[in-house]
PDB file of N, CA and C in Angstrom:
ATOM      1  N   UNK A   1      48.230 154.449 -74.619  1.00  0.00           N
ATOM      2  CA  UNK A   1      48.107 155.766 -74.027  1.00  0.00           C
ATOM      3  C   UNK A   1      47.753 155.602 -72.549  1.00  0.00           C
ATOM      4  N   UNK A   2      48.483 156.289 -71.679  1.00  0.00           N
ATOM      5  CA  UNK A   2      48.261 156.183 -70.246  1.00  0.00           C
ATOM      6  C   UNK A   2      47.007 156.909 -69.800  1.00  0.00           C
ATOM      7  N   UNK A   3      46.559 156.553 -68.611  1.00  0.00           N
ATOM      8  CA  UNK A   3      45.345 157.154 -68.059  1.00  0.00           C
ATOM      9  C   UNK A   3      45.512 158.658 -67.874  1.00  0.00           C
ATOM     10  N   UNK A   4      46.687 159.104 -67.435  1.00  0.00           N
ATOM     11  CA  UNK A   4      46.929 160.537 -67.252  1.00  0.00           C
ATOM     12  C   UNK A   4      46.768 161.283 -68.573  1.00  0.00           C
ATOM     13  N   UNK A   5      47.306 160.736 -69.631  1.00  0.00           N
ATOM     14  CA  UNK A   5      47.216 161.385 -70.938  1.00  0.00           C
ATOM     15  C   UNK A   5      45.776 161.405 -71.435  1.00  0.00           C
ATOM     16  N   UNK A   6      45.043 160.311 -71.192  1.00  0.00           N
ATOM     17  CA  UNK A   6      43.633 160.272 -71.583  1.00  0.00           C
ATOM     18  C   UNK A   6      42.853 161.351 -70.849  1.00  0.00           C
ATOM     19  N   UNK A   7      43.122 161.520 -69.559  1.00  0.00           N
ATOM     20  CA  UNK A   7      42.432 162.544 -68.782  1.00  0.00           C
ATOM     21  C   UNK A   7      42.780 163.942 -69.280  1.00  0.00           C
ATOM     22  N   UNK A   8      44.037 164.143 -69.674  1.00  0.00           N
ATOM     23  CA  UNK A   8      44.481 165.466 -70.121  1.00  0.00           C
ATOM     24  C   UNK A   8      43.854 165.838 -71.468  1.00  0.00           C
ATOM     25  N   UNK A   9      43.499 164.864 -72.274  1.00  0.00           N
ATOM     26  CA  UNK A   9      42.989 165.120 -73.617  1.00  0.00           C
ATOM     27  C   UNK A   9      41.466 165.249 -73.684  1.00  0.00           C
ATOM     28  N   UNK A  10      40.777 165.157 -72.562  1.00  0.00           N
ATOM     29  CA  UNK A  10      39.316 165.254 -72.592  1.00  0.00           C
ATOM     30  C   UNK A  10      38.853 166.362 -71.666  1.00  0.00           C
ATOM     31  N   UNK A  11      37.664 166.827 -71.926  1.00  0.00           N
ATOM     32  CA  UNK A  11      37.065 167.839 -71.058  1.00  0.00           C
ATOM     33  C   UNK A  11      36.720 167.182 -69.722  1.00  0.00           C
ATOM     34  N   UNK A  12      36.782 167.932 -68.627  1.00  0.00           N
ATOM     35  CA  UNK A  12      36.455 167.332 -67.334  1.00  0.00           C
ATOM     36  C   UNK A  12      34.982 166.919 -67.275  1.00  0.00           C
ATOM     37  N   UNK A  13      34.753 165.795 -66.655  1.00  0.00           N
ATOM     38  CA  UNK A  13      33.375 165.306 -66.491  1.00  0.00           C
ATOM     39  C   UNK A  13      32.739 166.023 -65.298  1.00  0.00           C
ATOM     40  N   UNK A  14      31.452 165.813 -65.146  1.00  0.00           N
ATOM     41  CA  UNK A  14      30.750 166.386 -63.996  1.00  0.00           C
ATOM     42  C   UNK A  14      31.353 165.855 -62.699  1.00  0.00           C
ATOM     43  N   UNK A  15      31.737 164.586 -62.676  1.00  0.00           N
ATOM     44  CA  UNK A  15      32.360 163.988 -61.494  1.00  0.00           C
ATOM     45  C   UNK A  15      33.714 164.632 -61.211  1.00  0.00           C
ATOM     46  N   UNK A  16      34.501 164.902 -62.255  1.00  0.00           N
ATOM     47  CA  UNK A  16      35.794 165.573 -62.082  1.00  0.00           C
ATOM     48  C   UNK A  16      35.605 166.951 -61.452  1.00  0.00           C
ATOM     49  N   UNK A  17      34.633 167.686 -61.945  1.00  0.00           N
ATOM     50  CA  UNK A  17      34.369 169.038 -61.448  1.00  0.00           C
ATOM     51  C   UNK A  17      33.873 168.986 -60.009  1.00  0.00           C
ATOM     52  N   UNK A  18      32.972 168.051 -59.720  1.00  0.00           N
ATOM     53  CA  UNK A  18      32.447 167.916 -58.369  1.00  0.00           C
ATOM     54  C   UNK A  18      33.563 167.526 -57.393  1.00  0.00           C
ATOM     55  N   UNK A  19      34.411 166.598 -57.786  1.00  0.00           N
ATOM     56  CA  UNK A  19      35.517 166.162 -56.933  1.00  0.00           C
ATOM     57  C   UNK A  19      36.480 167.312 -56.662  1.00  0.00           C
ATOM     58  N   UNK A  20      36.821 168.069 -57.700  1.00  0.00           N
ATOM     59  CA  UNK A  20      37.717 169.212 -57.530  1.00  0.00           C
ATOM     60  C   UNK A  20      37.094 170.254 -56.611  1.00  0.00           C
ATOM     61  N   UNK A  21      35.807 170.493 -56.761  1.00  0.00           N
ATOM     62  CA  UNK A  21      35.108 171.460 -55.912  1.00  0.00           C
ATOM     63  C   UNK A  21      35.125 171.027 -54.452  1.00  0.00           C
ATOM     64  N   UNK A  22      34.901 169.758 -54.217  1.00  0.00           N
ATOM     65  CA  UNK A  22      34.922 169.235 -52.844  1.00  0.00           C
ATOM     66  C   UNK A  22      36.315 169.358 -52.253  1.00  0.00           C
ATOM     67  N   UNK A  23      37.338 169.091 -53.056  1.00  0.00           N
ATOM     68  CA  UNK A  23      38.708 169.208 -52.562  1.00  0.00           C
ATOM     69  C   UNK A  23      39.035 170.649 -52.186  1.00  0.00           C
ATOM     70  N   UNK A  24      38.590 171.605 -52.980  1.00  0.00           N
ATOM     71  CA  UNK A  24      38.808 173.020 -52.660  1.00  0.00           C
ATOM     72  C   UNK A  24      38.120 173.360 -51.347  1.00  0.00           C
ATOM     73  N   UNK A  25      36.864 172.934 -51.194  1.00  0.00           N
ATOM     74  CA  UNK A  25      36.115 173.189 -49.974  1.00  0.00           C
ATOM     75  C   UNK A  25      36.807 172.562 -48.761  1.00  0.00           C
ATOM     76  N   UNK A  26      37.225 171.320 -48.892  1.00  0.00           N
ATOM     77  CA  UNK A  26      37.914 170.635 -47.790  1.00  0.00           C
ATOM     78  C   UNK A  26      39.192 171.374 -47.405  1.00  0.00           C
ATOM     79  N   UNK A  27      39.959 171.809 -48.400  1.00  0.00           N
ATOM     80  CA  UNK A  27      41.204 172.530 -48.113  1.00  0.00           C
ATOM     81  C   UNK A  27      40.937 173.844 -47.399  1.00  0.00           C
ATOM     82  N   UNK A  28      39.914 174.570 -47.824  1.00  0.00           N
ATOM     83  CA  UNK A  28      39.559 175.830 -47.166  1.00  0.00           C
ATOM     84  C   UNK A  28      39.140 175.598 -45.714  1.00  0.00           C
ATOM     85  N   UNK A  29      38.287 174.601 -45.505  1.00  0.00           N
ATOM     86  CA  UNK A  29      37.842 174.291 -44.151  1.00  0.00           C
ATOM     87  C   UNK A  29      39.012 173.868 -43.263  1.00  0.00           C
ATOM     88  N   UNK A  30      39.888 173.063 -43.835  1.00  0.00           N
ATOM     89  CA  UNK A  30      41.050 172.595 -43.081  1.00  0.00           C
ATOM     90  C   UNK A  30      41.945 173.769 -42.681  1.00  0.00           C
ATOM     91  N   UNK A  31      42.215 174.676 -43.612  1.00  0.00           N
ATOM     92  CA  UNK A  31      43.063 175.831 -43.308  1.00  0.00           C
ATOM     93  C   UNK A  31      42.409 176.720 -42.250  1.00  0.00           C
ATOM     94  N   UNK A  32      41.106 176.924 -42.359  1.00  0.00           N
ATOM     95  CA  UNK A  32      40.385 177.746 -41.393  1.00  0.00           C
ATOM     96  C   UNK A  32      40.445 177.123 -39.995  1.00  0.00           C
ATOM     97  N   UNK A  33      40.195 175.841 -39.939  1.00  0.00           N
ATOM     98  CA  UNK A  33      40.202 175.151 -38.647  1.00  0.00           C
ATOM     99  C   UNK A  33      41.599 175.139 -38.040  1.00  0.00           C
ATOM    100  N   UNK A  34      42.612 174.896 -38.858  1.00  0.00           N
ATOM    101  CA  UNK A  34      43.980 174.855 -38.353  1.00  0.00           C
ATOM    102  C   UNK A  34      44.437 176.227 -37.868  1.00  0.00           C
ATOM    103  N   UNK A  35      43.929 177.291 -38.470  1.00  0.00           N
ATOM    104  CA  UNK A  35      44.293 178.643 -38.033  1.00  0.00           C
ATOM    105  C   UNK A  35      43.735 178.917 -36.644  1.00  0.00           C
ATOM    106  N   UNK A  36      42.528 178.437 -36.364  1.00  0.00           N
ATOM    107  CA  UNK A  36      41.893 178.670 -35.077  1.00  0.00           C
ATOM    108  C   UNK A  36      42.371 177.735 -33.987  1.00  0.00           C
ATOM    109  N   UNK A  37      42.785 176.548 -34.357  1.00  0.00           N
ATOM    110  CA  UNK A  37      43.241 175.540 -33.401  1.00  0.00           C
ATOM    111  C   UNK A  37      44.411 174.786 -34.029  1.00  0.00           C
ATOM    112  N   UNK A  38      45.590 175.409 -34.035  1.00  0.00           N
ATOM    113  CA  UNK A  38      46.721 174.811 -34.745  1.00  0.00           C
ATOM    114  C   UNK A  38      47.130 173.450 -34.168  1.00  0.00           C
ATOM    115  N   UNK A  39      47.480 172.527 -35.022  1.00  0.00           N
ATOM    116  CA  UNK A  39      47.909 171.201 -34.559  1.00  0.00           C
ATOM    117  C   UNK A  39      49.321 171.263 -33.978  1.00  0.00           C
ATOM    118  N   UNK A  40      49.653 170.281 -33.180  1.00  0.00           N
ATOM    119  CA  UNK A  40      51.014 170.183 -32.647  1.00  0.00           C
ATOM    120  C   UNK A  40      52.000 169.807 -33.751  1.00  0.00           C
ATOM    121  N   UNK A  41      51.573 168.932 -34.636  1.00  0.00           N
ATOM    122  CA  UNK A  41      52.408 168.472 -35.754  1.00  0.00           C
ATOM    123  C   UNK A  41      51.492 168.272 -36.959  1.00  0.00           C
ATOM    124  N   UNK A  42      51.953 168.686 -38.126  1.00  0.00           N
ATOM    125  CA  UNK A  42      51.209 168.454 -39.361  1.00  0.00           C
ATOM    126  C   UNK A  42      51.955 167.393 -40.176  1.00  0.00           C
ATOM    127  N   UNK A  43      51.285 166.301 -40.433  1.00  0.00           N
ATOM    128  CA  UNK A  43      51.829 165.239 -41.280  1.00  0.00           C
ATOM    129  C   UNK A  43      50.999 165.252 -42.552  1.00  0.00           C
ATOM    130  N   UNK A  44      51.619 165.689 -43.642  1.00  0.00           N
ATOM    131  CA  UNK A  44      50.877 165.842 -44.890  1.00  0.00           C
ATOM    132  C   UNK A  44      51.611 165.120 -46.019  1.00  0.00           C
ATOM    133  N   UNK A  45      51.108 163.954 -46.409  1.00  0.00           N
ATOM    134  CA  UNK A  45      51.736 163.213 -47.504  1.00  0.00           C
ATOM    135  C   UNK A  45      51.702 164.000 -48.808  1.00  0.00           C
ATOM    136  N   UNK A  46      52.748 163.868 -49.591  1.00  0.00           N
ATOM    137  CA  UNK A  46      52.803 164.515 -50.894  1.00  0.00           C
ATOM    138  C   UNK A  46      52.385 163.492 -51.943  1.00  0.00           C
ATOM    139  N   UNK A  47      51.168 163.648 -52.446  1.00  0.00           N
ATOM    140  CA  UNK A  47      50.688 162.748 -53.502  1.00  0.00           C
ATOM    141  C   UNK A  47      49.654 163.476 -54.363  1.00  0.00           C
ATOM    142  N   UNK A  48      50.059 164.573 -55.015  1.00  0.00           N
ATOM    143  CA  UNK A  48      49.100 165.338 -55.814  1.00  0.00           C
ATOM    144  C   UNK A  48      48.591 164.582 -57.034  1.00  0.00           C
ATOM    145  N   UNK A  49      49.307 163.578 -57.459  1.00  0.00           N
ATOM    146  CA  UNK A  49      48.912 162.814 -58.641  1.00  0.00           C
ATOM    147  C   UNK A  49      47.820 161.793 -58.331  1.00  0.00           C
ATOM    148  N   UNK A  50      47.486 161.611 -57.061  1.00  0.00           N
ATOM    149  CA  UNK A  50      46.464 160.639 -56.675  1.00  0.00           C
ATOM    150  C   UNK A  50      45.167 161.386 -56.382  1.00  0.00           C
ATOM    151  N   UNK A  51      44.129 161.063 -57.136  1.00  0.00           N
ATOM    152  CA  UNK A  51      42.827 161.723 -56.986  1.00  0.00           C
ATOM    153  C   UNK A  51      42.014 161.033 -55.891  1.00  0.00           C
ATOM    154  N   UNK A  52      40.952 161.687 -55.475  1.00  0.00           N
ATOM    155  CA  UNK A  52      40.109 161.202 -54.390  1.00  0.00           C
ATOM    156  C   UNK A  52      39.593 159.788 -54.636  1.00  0.00           C
ATOM    157  N   UNK A  53      39.208 159.489 -55.843  1.00  0.00           N
ATOM    158  CA  UNK A  53      38.611 158.181 -56.141  1.00  0.00           C
ATOM    159  C   UNK A  53      39.601 157.177 -56.736  1.00  0.00           C
ATOM    160  N   UNK A  54      40.885 157.434 -56.620  1.00  0.00           N
ATOM    161  CA  UNK A  54      41.914 156.523 -57.140  1.00  0.00           C
ATOM    162  C   UNK A  54      42.241 155.428 -56.123  1.00  0.00           C
ATOM    163  N   UNK A  55      41.228 154.668 -55.751  1.00  0.00           N
ATOM    164  CA  UNK A  55      41.419 153.621 -54.748  1.00  0.00           C
ATOM    165  C   UNK A  55      42.429 152.574 -55.194  1.00  0.00           C
ATOM    166  N   UNK A  56      42.562 152.381 -56.498  1.00  0.00           N
ATOM    167  CA  UNK A  56      43.508 151.401 -57.028  1.00  0.00           C
ATOM    168  C   UNK A  56      44.956 151.837 -56.801  1.00  0.00           C
ATOM    169  N   UNK A  57      45.165 153.074 -56.345  1.00  0.00           N
ATOM    170  CA  UNK A  57      46.513 153.578 -56.078  1.00  0.00           C
ATOM    171  C   UNK A  57      46.782 153.687 -54.580  1.00  0.00           C
ATOM    172  N   UNK A  58      46.071 152.873 -53.814  1.00  0.00           N
ATOM    173  CA  UNK A  58      46.194 152.930 -52.349  1.00  0.00           C
ATOM    174  C   UNK A  58      47.626 152.700 -51.887  1.00  0.00           C
ATOM    175  N   UNK A  59      48.323 151.771 -52.489  1.00  0.00           N
ATOM    176  CA  UNK A  59      49.697 151.480 -52.051  1.00  0.00           C
ATOM    177  C   UNK A  59      50.599 152.700 -52.208  1.00  0.00           C
ATOM    178  N   UNK A  60      50.418 153.471 -53.285  1.00  0.00           N
ATOM    179  CA  UNK A  60      51.199 154.699 -53.476  1.00  0.00           C
ATOM    180  C   UNK A  60      50.873 155.716 -52.381  1.00  0.00           C
ATOM    181  N   UNK A  61      49.592 155.842 -52.072  1.00  0.00           N
ATOM    182  CA  UNK A  61      49.170 156.785 -51.036  1.00  0.00           C
ATOM    183  C   UNK A  61      49.718 156.371 -49.675  1.00  0.00           C
ATOM    184  N   UNK A  62      49.685 155.093 -49.381  1.00  0.00           N
ATOM    185  CA  UNK A  62      50.213 154.587 -48.112  1.00  0.00           C
ATOM    186  C   UNK A  62      51.713 154.843 -48.032  1.00  0.00           C
ATOM    187  N   UNK A  63      52.421 154.606 -49.125  1.00  0.00           N
ATOM    188  CA  UNK A  63      53.871 154.862 -49.148  1.00  0.00           C
ATOM    189  C   UNK A  63      54.166 156.343 -48.926  1.00  0.00           C
ATOM    190  N   UNK A  64      53.375 157.222 -49.530  1.00  0.00           N
ATOM    191  CA  UNK A  64      53.547 158.667 -49.326  1.00  0.00           C
ATOM    192  C   UNK A  64      53.279 159.031 -47.874  1.00  0.00           C
ATOM    193  N   UNK A  65      52.286 158.406 -47.267  1.00  0.00           N
ATOM    194  CA  UNK A  65      51.988 158.646 -45.859  1.00  0.00           C
ATOM    195  C   UNK A  65      53.112 158.195 -44.954  1.00  0.00           C
ATOM    196  N   UNK A  66      53.672 157.045 -45.247  1.00  0.00           N
ATOM    197  CA  UNK A  66      54.796 156.547 -44.441  1.00  0.00           C
ATOM    198  C   UNK A  66      56.001 157.480 -44.546  1.00  0.00           C
ATOM    199  N   UNK A  67      56.277 157.949 -45.751  1.00  0.00           N
ATOM    200  CA  UNK A  67      57.390 158.871 -45.952  1.00  0.00           C
ATOM    201  C   UNK A  67      57.155 160.172 -45.178  1.00  0.00           C
ATOM    202  N   UNK A  68      55.929 160.671 -45.204  1.00  0.00           N
ATOM    203  CA  UNK A  68      55.605 161.900 -44.481  1.00  0.00           C
ATOM    204  C   UNK A  68      55.792 161.719 -42.973  1.00  0.00           C
ATOM    205  N   UNK A  69      55.414 160.552 -42.464  1.00  0.00           N
ATOM    206  CA  UNK A  69      55.596 160.273 -41.031  1.00  0.00           C
ATOM    207  C   UNK A  69      57.081 160.173 -40.700  1.00  0.00           C
ATOM    208  N   UNK A  70      57.848 159.524 -41.560  1.00  0.00           N
ATOM    209  CA  UNK A  70      59.290 159.409 -41.336  1.00  0.00           C
ATOM    210  C   UNK A  70      59.944 160.792 -41.270  1.00  0.00           C
ATOM    211  N   UNK A  71      59.505 161.703 -42.142  1.00  0.00           N
ATOM    212  CA  UNK A  71      60.074 163.052 -42.152  1.00  0.00           C
ATOM    213  C   UNK A  71      59.748 163.821 -40.873  1.00  0.00           C
ATOM    214  N   UNK A  72      58.627 163.511 -40.241  1.00  0.00           N
ATOM    215  CA  UNK A  72      58.185 164.199 -39.025  1.00  0.00           C
ATOM    216  C   UNK A  72      58.429 163.373 -37.765  1.00  0.00           C
ATOM    217  N   UNK A  73      59.167 162.290 -37.892  1.00  0.00           N
ATOM    218  CA  UNK A  73      59.340 161.349 -36.794  1.00  0.00           C
ATOM    219  C   UNK A  73      59.908 162.014 -35.534  1.00  0.00           C
ATOM    220  N   UNK A  74      60.875 162.900 -35.685  1.00  0.00           N
ATOM    221  CA  UNK A  74      61.459 163.558 -34.510  1.00  0.00           C
ATOM    222  C   UNK A  74      60.418 164.403 -33.783  1.00  0.00           C
ATOM    223  N   UNK A  75      59.640 165.186 -34.539  1.00  0.00           N
ATOM    224  CA  UNK A  75      58.592 166.008 -33.925  1.00  0.00           C
ATOM    225  C   UNK A  75      57.530 165.141 -33.250  1.00  0.00           C
ATOM    226  N   UNK A  76      57.165 164.052 -33.900  1.00  0.00           N
ATOM    227  CA  UNK A  76      56.153 163.159 -33.337  1.00  0.00           C
ATOM    228  C   UNK A  76      56.661 162.492 -32.063  1.00  0.00           C
ATOM    229  N   UNK A  77      57.914 162.092 -32.073  1.00  0.00           N
ATOM    230  CA  UNK A  77      58.484 161.440 -30.890  1.00  0.00           C
ATOM    231  C   UNK A  77      58.532 162.400 -29.710  1.00  0.00           C
ATOM    232  N   UNK A  78      58.893 163.661 -29.963  1.00  0.00           N
ATOM    233  CA  UNK A  78      58.883 164.662 -28.894  1.00  0.00           C
ATOM    234  C   UNK A  78      57.477 164.820 -28.310  1.00  0.00           C
ATOM    235  N   UNK A  79      56.487 164.840 -29.174  1.00  0.00           N
ATOM    236  CA  UNK A  79      55.099 164.975 -28.724  1.00  0.00           C
ATOM    237  C   UNK A  79      54.675 163.764 -27.898  1.00  0.00           C
ATOM    238  N   UNK A  80      55.013 162.584 -28.354  1.00  0.00           N
ATOM    239  CA  UNK A  80      54.665 161.348 -27.624  1.00  0.00           C
ATOM    240  C   UNK A  80      55.345 161.352 -26.262  1.00  0.00           C
ATOM    241  N   UNK A  81      56.614 161.735 -26.230  1.00  0.00           N
ATOM    242  CA  UNK A  81      57.348 161.761 -24.960  1.00  0.00           C
ATOM    243  C   UNK A  81      56.752 162.801 -24.004  1.00  0.00           C
ATOM    244  N   UNK A  82      56.340 163.943 -24.539  1.00  0.00           N
ATOM    245  CA  UNK A  82      55.746 164.998 -23.725  1.00  0.00           C
ATOM    246  C   UNK A  82      54.405 164.546 -23.127  1.00  0.00           C
ATOM    247  N   UNK A  83      53.616 163.842 -23.933  1.00  0.00           N
ATOM    248  CA  UNK A  83      52.309 163.363 -23.476  1.00  0.00           C
ATOM    249  C   UNK A  83      52.448 162.232 -22.466  1.00  0.00           C
ATOM    250  N   UNK A  84      53.550 161.486 -22.530  1.00  0.00           N
ATOM    251  CA  UNK A  84      53.754 160.355 -21.616  1.00  0.00           C
ATOM    252  C   UNK A  84      54.123 160.804 -20.217  1.00  0.00           C
ATOM    253  N   UNK A  85      54.580 162.021 -20.084  1.00  0.00           N
ATOM    254  CA  UNK A  85      55.022 162.528 -18.773  1.00  0.00           C
ATOM    255  C   UNK A  85      53.858 162.962 -17.930  1.00  0.00           C
TER     256      UNK A  85
END
């Protein structure tokens, strides 16, 4: 039985609840801050299956980050070129 299935079949632990609560808070703060001071470019990796404490899945997270940067490469290059002038 995989780890995902084991997690789905049990009640959330106190750590699971605390981690989820922190993620909600972080997302709210991030959205609030971005609304007041919008970034030039948003690079947001897609990795919803990776939890905060899943350090053993670092390579997956890094790959998702690289893919996100590749998708925004044109916007990032324009920003770099603009800042270099």
